[in-house]
Amino acid sequence: MEHEHTPEAIRARLAGLPRISYLRDWVYGGIDGSVTTFAVVTGVGGADLSLRIILILGFANLVADGFSMAASNYLGTRTERQEADALRSREQRHIRSDPAGEQEEVRQLLAAKGFAGDDLERAVATVTSDDSRWIEFMLAEEYGLARAMRSPSAAALATFGAFTLCGLVPLLPFLLHVTNAFALSLVMTAIAFFVVGSARSRWLLLSWWRAGFETLALGSIAAALAYAVGWLTRT
């Protein structure tokens, strides 16, 4: 996460677009995969149904829900990019039709950042001297859009991959016909919750154990609710 601050390193780092992170998609897919698949296992276990039903519903959830999440993430991320394209087109149109008005927007945005007097006018002239720079400035400052946007395909693949990988964990003991499969599934899923959660600490200002226990607690609540629903349905 850390980087060098030599002039050469800074120049190389800033030469391209900012680095895009798909951590959100991995965490989202991984946690949801573990929670929903184990919820199926605990719900069916609470209802005291057969191993065959657990595997059928578990794998059906793994494929269908994983694809649904990936598709939703793809469409949501694609919509963000399409919205950015629409705003970019709008700014291009406004610069052509009312350049003075757009310059005044730049002036007020820079003034809010502390520019004043000649410095303000020079900054306005610099920003508005190039249409591409002008548009990117407006997208960032007026609409709060990032320079680099996530790829819809990469976001969807990250979500589906994490969902499938983590969602398979609760099913493995049943798939391998292990003795006390339910208890082992519970332990393995708890470990998966903790590992996925603690992995976030590599990129966040959280200790690994706190991030892990936070995810473990939320996943445990979901599993307990699913088991209770299954048990109540059975009785």
C-alpha atoms as a PDB file:
ATOM      1  CA  MET A   1       0.000   0.000   0.000  1.00  0.00           C
ATOM      2  CA  GLU A   2       2.894   2.378   0.657  1.00  0.00           C
ATOM      3  CA  HIS A   3       4.772   4.047  -2.196  1.00  0.00           C
ATOM      4  CA  GLU A   4       7.952   6.017  -2.736  1.00  0.00           C
ATOM      5  CA  HIS A   5       8.067   9.798  -2.853  1.00  0.00           C
ATOM      6  CA  THR A   6      11.088  10.404  -5.034  1.00  0.00           C
ATOM      7  CA  PRO A   7      10.391  12.745  -7.992  1.00  0.00           C
ATOM      8  CA  GLU A   8      10.868   9.858 -10.445  1.00  0.00           C
ATOM      9  CA  ALA A   9       8.525   7.518  -8.523  1.00  0.00           C
ATOM     10  CA  ILE A  10       5.866  10.203  -8.206  1.00  0.00           C
ATOM     11  CA  ARG A  11       6.105  11.033 -11.926  1.00  0.00           C
ATOM     12  CA  ALA A  12       5.746   7.376 -12.899  1.00  0.00           C
ATOM     13  CA  ARG A  13       2.830   6.809 -10.507  1.00  0.00           C
ATOM     14  CA  LEU A  14       0.886   9.867 -11.669  1.00  0.00           C
ATOM     15  CA  ALA A  15       1.542   9.322 -15.377  1.00  0.00           C
ATOM     16  CA  GLY A  16      -1.461   7.021 -15.787  1.00  0.00           C
ATOM     17  CA  LEU A  17      -4.900   6.668 -14.275  1.00  0.00           C
ATOM     18  CA  PRO A  18      -5.255   5.901 -10.564  1.00  0.00           C
ATOM     19  CA  ARG A  19      -5.063   2.231  -9.650  1.00  0.00           C
ATOM     20  CA  ILE A  20      -8.486   0.614  -9.492  1.00  0.00           C
ATOM     21  CA  SER A  21      -9.330  -1.659  -6.567  1.00  0.00           C
ATOM     22  CA  TYR A  22     -11.815  -4.535  -6.766  1.00  0.00           C
ATOM     23  CA  LEU A  23     -11.556  -5.258  -3.027  1.00  0.00           C
ATOM     24  CA  ARG A  24     -15.179  -4.235  -2.539  1.00  0.00           C
ATOM     25  CA  ASP A  25     -16.333  -6.785  -5.102  1.00  0.00           C
ATOM     26  CA  TRP A  26     -14.243  -9.598  -3.588  1.00  0.00           C
ATOM     27  CA  VAL A  27     -15.422  -8.894  -0.036  1.00  0.00           C
ATOM     28  CA  TYR A  28     -19.027  -8.476  -1.172  1.00  0.00           C
ATOM     29  CA  GLY A  29     -19.011 -11.738  -3.141  1.00  0.00           C
ATOM     30  CA  GLY A  30     -17.023 -13.717  -0.569  1.00  0.00           C
ATOM     31  CA  ILE A  31     -19.127 -12.778   2.433  1.00  0.00           C
ATOM     32  CA  ASP A  32     -22.419 -13.180   0.604  1.00  0.00           C
ATOM     33  CA  GLY A  33     -21.334 -16.530  -0.825  1.00  0.00           C
ATOM     34  CA  SER A  34     -20.457 -17.860   2.618  1.00  0.00           C
ATOM     35  CA  VAL A  35     -23.558 -16.438   4.275  1.00  0.00           C
ATOM     36  CA  THR A  36     -26.174 -17.474   1.719  1.00  0.00           C
ATOM     37  CA  THR A  37     -24.818 -20.980   1.120  1.00  0.00           C
ATOM     38  CA  PHE A  38     -24.418 -21.665   4.826  1.00  0.00           C
ATOM     39  CA  ALA A  39     -27.889 -20.201   5.373  1.00  0.00           C
ATOM     40  CA  VAL A  40     -29.185 -22.881   2.989  1.00  0.00           C
ATOM     41  CA  VAL A  41     -27.227 -25.551   4.884  1.00  0.00           C
ATOM     42  CA  THR A  42     -28.428 -24.392   8.304  1.00  0.00           C
ATOM     43  CA  GLY A  43     -31.995 -23.865   7.125  1.00  0.00           C
ATOM     44  CA  VAL A  44     -32.171 -27.363   5.649  1.00  0.00           C
ATOM     45  CA  GLY A  45     -30.328 -28.744   8.680  1.00  0.00           C
ATOM     46  CA  GLY A  46     -32.773 -27.036  11.002  1.00  0.00           C
ATOM     47  CA  ALA A  47     -35.632 -28.571   9.058  1.00  0.00           C
ATOM     48  CA  ASP A  48     -33.927 -31.983   9.432  1.00  0.00           C
ATOM     49  CA  LEU A  49     -33.956 -32.738   5.698  1.00  0.00           C
ATOM     50  CA  SER A  50     -31.716 -35.201   3.855  1.00  0.00           C
ATOM     51  CA  LEU A  51     -28.129 -34.820   2.638  1.00  0.00           C
ATOM     52  CA  ARG A  52     -29.383 -34.928  -0.943  1.00  0.00           C
ATOM     53  CA  ILE A  53     -31.610 -31.896  -0.367  1.00  0.00           C
ATOM     54  CA  ILE A  54     -28.742 -29.993   1.249  1.00  0.00           C
ATOM     55  CA  LEU A  55     -26.493 -30.585  -1.776  1.00  0.00           C
ATOM     56  CA  ILE A  56     -29.195 -29.816  -4.345  1.00  0.00           C
ATOM     57  CA  LEU A  57     -30.253 -26.552  -2.709  1.00  0.00           C
ATOM     58  CA  GLY A  58     -26.669 -25.633  -1.818  1.00  0.00           C
ATOM     59  CA  PHE A  59     -25.313 -25.965  -5.340  1.00  0.00           C
ATOM     60  CA  ALA A  60     -28.428 -24.392  -6.853  1.00  0.00           C
ATOM     61  CA  ASN A  61     -27.838 -21.380  -4.610  1.00  0.00           C
ATOM     62  CA  LEU A  62     -24.117 -21.386  -5.399  1.00  0.00           C
ATOM     63  CA  VAL A  63     -24.677 -21.118  -9.150  1.00  0.00           C
ATOM     64  CA  ALA A  64     -27.907 -19.138  -9.396  1.00  0.00           C
ATOM     65  CA  ASP A  65     -27.292 -16.629  -6.605  1.00  0.00           C
ATOM     66  CA  GLY A  66     -23.640 -16.232  -7.590  1.00  0.00           C
ATOM     67  CA  PHE A  67     -24.596 -15.446 -11.183  1.00  0.00           C
ATOM     68  CA  SER A  68     -27.387 -13.135 -10.028  1.00  0.00           C
ATOM     69  CA  MET A  69     -24.982 -11.161  -7.846  1.00  0.00           C
ATOM     70  CA  ALA A  70     -22.374 -10.981 -10.607  1.00  0.00           C
ATOM     71  CA  ALA A  71     -24.996  -9.825 -13.121  1.00  0.00           C
ATOM     72  CA  SER A  72     -26.327  -7.201 -10.718  1.00  0.00           C
ATOM     73  CA  ASN A  73     -22.820  -5.931 -10.027  1.00  0.00           C
ATOM     74  CA  TYR A  74     -22.074  -5.843 -13.772  1.00  0.00           C
ATOM     75  CA  LEU A  75     -25.209  -3.836 -14.551  1.00  0.00           C
ATOM     76  CA  GLY A  76     -24.705  -1.510 -11.586  1.00  0.00           C
ATOM     77  CA  THR A  77     -21.078  -0.794 -12.492  1.00  0.00           C
ATOM     78  CA  ARG A  78     -21.963  -0.396 -16.179  1.00  0.00           C
ATOM     79  CA  THR A  79     -24.678   2.078 -15.210  1.00  0.00           C
ATOM     80  CA  GLU A  80     -22.083   4.142 -13.312  1.00  0.00           C
ATOM     81  CA  ARG A  81     -19.913   4.318 -16.434  1.00  0.00           C
ATOM     82  CA  GLN A  82     -22.896   5.179 -18.641  1.00  0.00           C
ATOM     83  CA  GLU A  83     -23.904   7.916 -16.215  1.00  0.00           C
ATOM     84  CA  ALA A  84     -20.358   9.310 -16.350  1.00  0.00           C
ATOM     85  CA  ASP A  85     -20.474   9.260 -20.179  1.00  0.00           C
ATOM     86  CA  ALA A  86     -23.797  11.125 -20.130  1.00  0.00           C
ATOM     87  CA  LEU A  87     -22.412  13.780 -17.769  1.00  0.00           C
ATOM     88  CA  ARG A  88     -19.274  14.131 -19.902  1.00  0.00           C
ATOM     89  CA  SER A  89     -21.442  14.687 -22.985  1.00  0.00           C
ATOM     90  CA  ARG A  90     -23.477  17.277 -21.080  1.00  0.00           C
ATOM     91  CA  GLU A  91     -20.364  19.195 -20.029  1.00  0.00           C
ATOM     92  CA  GLN A  92     -19.052  19.159 -23.611  1.00  0.00           C
ATOM     93  CA  ARG A  93     -22.364  20.628 -24.780  1.00  0.00           C
ATOM     94  CA  HIS A  94     -22.349  23.295 -22.068  1.00  0.00           C
ATOM     95  CA  ILE A  95     -18.760  24.331 -22.864  1.00  0.00           C
ATOM     96  CA  ARG A  96     -19.696  24.806 -26.511  1.00  0.00           C
ATOM     97  CA  SER A  97     -22.983  26.639 -25.860  1.00  0.00           C
ATOM     98  CA  ASP A  98     -22.099  28.718 -22.781  1.00  0.00           C
ATOM     99  CA  PRO A  99     -18.322  28.848 -22.154  1.00  0.00           C
ATOM    100  CA  ALA A 100     -18.587  31.944 -19.958  1.00  0.00           C
ATOM    101  CA  GLY A 101     -21.055  30.246 -17.646  1.00  0.00           C
ATOM    102  CA  GLU A 102     -18.855  27.150 -17.386  1.00  0.00           C
ATOM    103  CA  GLN A 103     -15.821  29.333 -16.646  1.00  0.00           C
ATOM    104  CA  GLU A 104     -17.752  30.949 -13.819  1.00  0.00           C
ATOM    105  CA  GLU A 105     -18.486  27.482 -12.404  1.00  0.00           C
ATOM    106  CA  VAL A 106     -14.758  26.718 -12.461  1.00  0.00           C
ATOM    107  CA  ARG A 107     -14.023  30.076 -10.810  1.00  0.00           C
ATOM    108  CA  GLN A 108     -16.442  29.421  -7.957  1.00  0.00           C
ATOM    109  CA  LEU A 109     -15.228  25.859  -7.451  1.00  0.00           C
ATOM    110  CA  LEU A 110     -11.627  27.032  -7.206  1.00  0.00           C
ATOM    111  CA  ALA A 111     -12.567  29.954  -4.979  1.00  0.00           C
ATOM    112  CA  ALA A 112     -14.160  27.469  -2.567  1.00  0.00           C
ATOM    113  CA  LYS A 113     -10.764  25.744  -2.401  1.00  0.00           C
ATOM    114  CA  GLY A 114      -9.052  28.939  -1.288  1.00  0.00           C
ATOM    115  CA  PHE A 115      -7.877  30.483  -4.579  1.00  0.00           C
ATOM    116  CA  ALA A 116      -8.297  34.258  -4.829  1.00  0.00           C
ATOM    117  CA  GLY A 117      -7.217  37.271  -6.866  1.00  0.00           C
ATOM    118  CA  ASP A 118      -4.680  36.761  -9.635  1.00  0.00           C
ATOM    119  CA  ASP A 119      -3.974  33.220  -8.520  1.00  0.00           C
ATOM    120  CA  LEU A 120      -7.642  32.388  -8.993  1.00  0.00           C
ATOM    121  CA  GLU A 121      -7.785  33.879 -12.487  1.00  0.00           C
ATOM    122  CA  ARG A 122      -4.584  32.088 -13.551  1.00  0.00           C
ATOM    123  CA  ALA A 123      -5.969  28.798 -12.238  1.00  0.00           C
ATOM    124  CA  VAL A 124      -9.245  29.327 -14.123  1.00  0.00           C
ATOM    125  CA  ALA A 125      -7.349  30.129 -17.317  1.00  0.00           C
ATOM    126  CA  THR A 126      -5.182  27.032 -16.918  1.00  0.00           C
ATOM    127  CA  VAL A 127      -8.113  24.674 -16.302  1.00  0.00           C
ATOM    128  CA  THR A 128     -10.227  26.067 -19.146  1.00  0.00           C
ATOM    129  CA  SER A 129      -7.410  26.271 -21.710  1.00  0.00           C
ATOM    130  CA  ASP A 130      -7.889  22.593 -22.602  1.00  0.00           C
ATOM    131  CA  ASP A 131     -11.367  21.118 -23.113  1.00  0.00           C
ATOM    132  CA  SER A 132     -10.415  17.626 -21.928  1.00  0.00           C
ATOM    133  CA  ARG A 133      -8.866  18.964 -18.714  1.00  0.00           C
ATOM    134  CA  TRP A 134     -11.826  21.301 -18.285  1.00  0.00           C
ATOM    135  CA  ILE A 135     -14.349  18.465 -18.594  1.00  0.00           C
ATOM    136  CA  GLU A 136     -12.432  16.164 -16.243  1.00  0.00           C
ATOM    137  CA  PHE A 137     -12.210  18.965 -13.697  1.00  0.00           C
ATOM    138  CA  MET A 138     -15.970  19.527 -13.829  1.00  0.00           C
ATOM    139  CA  LEU A 139     -16.739  15.818 -13.561  1.00  0.00           C
ATOM    140  CA  ALA A 140     -14.549  15.508 -10.486  1.00  0.00           C
ATOM    141  CA  GLU A 141     -15.413  18.760  -8.721  1.00  0.00           C
ATOM    142  CA  GLU A 142     -19.049  19.324  -9.713  1.00  0.00           C
ATOM    143  CA  TYR A 143     -20.267  15.709  -9.797  1.00  0.00           C
ATOM    144  CA  GLY A 144     -17.711  13.950  -7.592  1.00  0.00           C
ATOM    145  CA  LEU A 145     -16.766  11.360 -10.222  1.00  0.00           C
ATOM    146  CA  ALA A 146     -13.447   9.504 -10.072  1.00  0.00           C
ATOM    147  CA  ARG A 147     -10.984   9.745 -12.964  1.00  0.00           C
ATOM    148  CA  ALA A 148     -10.694   5.975 -13.232  1.00  0.00           C
ATOM    149  CA  MET A 149     -13.806   3.803 -13.124  1.00  0.00           C
ATOM    150  CA  ARG A 150     -14.089   0.095 -12.488  1.00  0.00           C
ATOM    151  CA  SER A 151     -14.566  -2.342 -15.351  1.00  0.00           C
ATOM    152  CA  PRO A 152     -18.063  -3.923 -15.223  1.00  0.00           C
ATOM    153  CA  SER A 153     -16.689  -7.268 -16.427  1.00  0.00           C
ATOM    154  CA  ALA A 154     -13.840  -7.334 -13.899  1.00  0.00           C
ATOM    155  CA  ALA A 155     -16.205  -6.344 -11.073  1.00  0.00           C
ATOM    156  CA  ALA A 156     -18.660  -9.105 -12.036  1.00  0.00           C
ATOM    157  CA  LEU A 157     -15.919 -11.740 -12.314  1.00  0.00           C
ATOM    158  CA  ALA A 158     -14.463 -10.737  -8.939  1.00  0.00           C
ATOM    159  CA  THR A 159     -17.881 -11.034  -7.311  1.00  0.00           C
ATOM    160  CA  PHE A 160     -18.720 -14.380  -8.921  1.00  0.00           C
ATOM    161  CA  GLY A 161     -15.274 -15.841  -8.224  1.00  0.00           C
ATOM    162  CA  ALA A 162     -15.307 -14.868  -4.556  1.00  0.00           C
ATOM    163  CA  PHE A 163     -18.926 -15.977  -4.158  1.00  0.00           C
ATOM    164  CA  THR A 164     -18.247 -19.405  -5.663  1.00  0.00           C
ATOM    165  CA  LEU A 165     -14.986 -19.965  -3.789  1.00  0.00           C
ATOM    166  CA  CYS A 166     -16.296 -18.972  -0.368  1.00  0.00           C
ATOM    167  CA  GLY A 167     -19.765 -20.375  -0.964  1.00  0.00           C
ATOM    168  CA  LEU A 168     -18.332 -23.826  -1.653  1.00  0.00           C
ATOM    169  CA  VAL A 169     -16.812 -24.018   1.851  1.00  0.00           C
ATOM    170  CA  PRO A 170     -20.049 -24.869   3.742  1.00  0.00           C
ATOM    171  CA  LEU A 171     -20.872 -27.628   1.223  1.00  0.00           C
ATOM    172  CA  LEU A 172     -17.523 -29.446   1.246  1.00  0.00           C
ATOM    173  CA  PRO A 173     -18.153 -31.613   4.344  1.00  0.00           C
ATOM    174  CA  PHE A 174     -21.487 -32.789   2.890  1.00  0.00           C
ATOM    175  CA  LEU A 175     -19.996 -33.318  -0.550  1.00  0.00           C
ATOM    176  CA  LEU A 176     -17.213 -35.486   0.916  1.00  0.00           C
ATOM    177  CA  HIS A 177     -19.638 -37.389   3.215  1.00  0.00           C
ATOM    178  CA  VAL A 178     -17.624 -36.470   6.312  1.00  0.00           C
ATOM    179  CA  THR A 179     -18.820 -37.643   9.723  1.00  0.00           C
ATOM    180  CA  ASN A 180     -20.537 -34.823  11.648  1.00  0.00           C
ATOM    181  CA  ALA A 181     -20.693 -32.850   8.432  1.00  0.00           C
ATOM    182  CA  PHE A 182     -22.944 -30.150   9.868  1.00  0.00           C
ATOM    183  CA  ALA A 183     -20.583 -29.370  12.762  1.00  0.00           C
ATOM    184  CA  LEU A 184     -17.569 -29.326  10.435  1.00  0.00           C
ATOM    185  CA  SER A 185     -19.440 -27.097   7.978  1.00  0.00           C
ATOM    186  CA  LEU A 186     -20.164 -24.706  10.823  1.00  0.00           C
ATOM    187  CA  VAL A 187     -16.496 -24.534  11.834  1.00  0.00           C
ATOM    188  CA  MET A 188     -15.219 -24.186   8.256  1.00  0.00           C
ATOM    189  CA  THR A 189     -17.722 -21.439   7.452  1.00  0.00           C
ATOM    190  CA  ALA A 190     -16.808 -19.537  10.615  1.00  0.00           C
ATOM    191  CA  ILE A 191     -13.157 -19.721   9.559  1.00  0.00           C
ATOM    192  CA  ALA A 192     -14.101 -18.505   6.068  1.00  0.00           C
ATOM    193  CA  PHE A 193     -16.012 -15.564   7.576  1.00  0.00           C
ATOM    194  CA  PHE A 194     -13.019 -14.658   9.708  1.00  0.00           C
ATOM    195  CA  VAL A 195     -10.458 -15.018   6.879  1.00  0.00           C
ATOM    196  CA  VAL A 196     -12.479 -12.919   4.418  1.00  0.00           C
ATOM    197  CA  GLY A 197     -13.039 -10.271   7.061  1.00  0.00           C
ATOM    198  CA  SER A 198      -9.450 -10.167   8.309  1.00  0.00           C
ATOM    199  CA  ALA A 199      -8.167  -9.915   4.705  1.00  0.00           C
ATOM    200  CA  ARG A 200      -9.768  -6.478   4.529  1.00  0.00           C
ATOM    201  CA  SER A 201      -7.304  -5.169   7.099  1.00  0.00           C
ATOM    202  CA  ARG A 202      -4.557  -5.270   4.466  1.00  0.00           C
ATOM    203  CA  TRP A 203      -6.177  -2.291   2.754  1.00  0.00           C
ATOM    204  CA  LEU A 204      -8.083  -0.679   5.626  1.00  0.00           C
ATOM    205  CA  LEU A 205      -7.260   1.062   8.905  1.00  0.00           C
ATOM    206  CA  LEU A 206      -8.544  -1.894  10.921  1.00  0.00           C
ATOM    207  CA  SER A 207      -6.692  -4.547  12.891  1.00  0.00           C
ATOM    208  CA  TRP A 208      -6.930  -8.014  11.300  1.00  0.00           C
ATOM    209  CA  TRP A 209      -8.666  -9.529  14.314  1.00  0.00           C
ATOM    210  CA  ARG A 210     -11.245  -6.743  14.566  1.00  0.00           C
ATOM    211  CA  ALA A 211     -12.095  -6.928  10.857  1.00  0.00           C
ATOM    212  CA  GLY A 212     -12.296 -10.715  11.095  1.00  0.00           C
ATOM    213  CA  PHE A 213     -14.552 -10.808  14.159  1.00  0.00           C
ATOM    214  CA  GLU A 214     -16.805  -8.124  12.677  1.00  0.00           C
ATOM    215  CA  THR A 215     -17.472 -10.294   9.622  1.00  0.00           C
ATOM    216  CA  LEU A 216     -17.742 -13.442  11.732  1.00  0.00           C
ATOM    217  CA  ALA A 217     -20.380 -11.826  13.954  1.00  0.00           C
ATOM    218  CA  LEU A 218     -22.542 -10.684  11.028  1.00  0.00           C
ATOM    219  CA  GLY A 219     -22.258 -14.059   9.280  1.00  0.00           C
ATOM    220  CA  SER A 220     -23.125 -15.912  12.488  1.00  0.00           C
ATOM    221  CA  ILE A 221     -26.283 -13.849  12.920  1.00  0.00           C
ATOM    222  CA  ALA A 222     -27.397 -14.710   9.378  1.00  0.00           C
ATOM    223  CA  ALA A 223     -26.684 -18.413   9.935  1.00  0.00           C
ATOM    224  CA  ALA A 224     -28.558 -18.425  13.253  1.00  0.00           C
ATOM    225  CA  LEU A 225     -31.602 -16.786  11.660  1.00  0.00           C
ATOM    226  CA  ALA A 226     -31.614 -19.336   8.834  1.00  0.00           C
ATOM    227  CA  TYR A 227     -31.355 -22.244  11.276  1.00  0.00           C
ATOM    228  CA  ALA A 228     -34.191 -20.836  13.376  1.00  0.00           C
ATOM    229  CA  VAL A 229     -36.437 -20.473  10.321  1.00  0.00           C
ATOM    230  CA  GLY A 230     -35.688 -24.059   9.287  1.00  0.00           C
ATOM    231  CA  TRP A 231     -36.363 -25.380  12.785  1.00  0.00           C
ATOM    232  CA  LEU A 232     -39.638 -23.442  13.114  1.00  0.00           C
ATOM    233  CA  THR A 233     -40.763 -24.627   9.677  1.00  0.00           C
ATOM    234  CA  ARG A 234     -40.110 -28.229  10.656  1.00  0.00           C
ATOM    235  CA  THR A 235     -41.988 -27.976  13.921  1.00  0.00           C
END
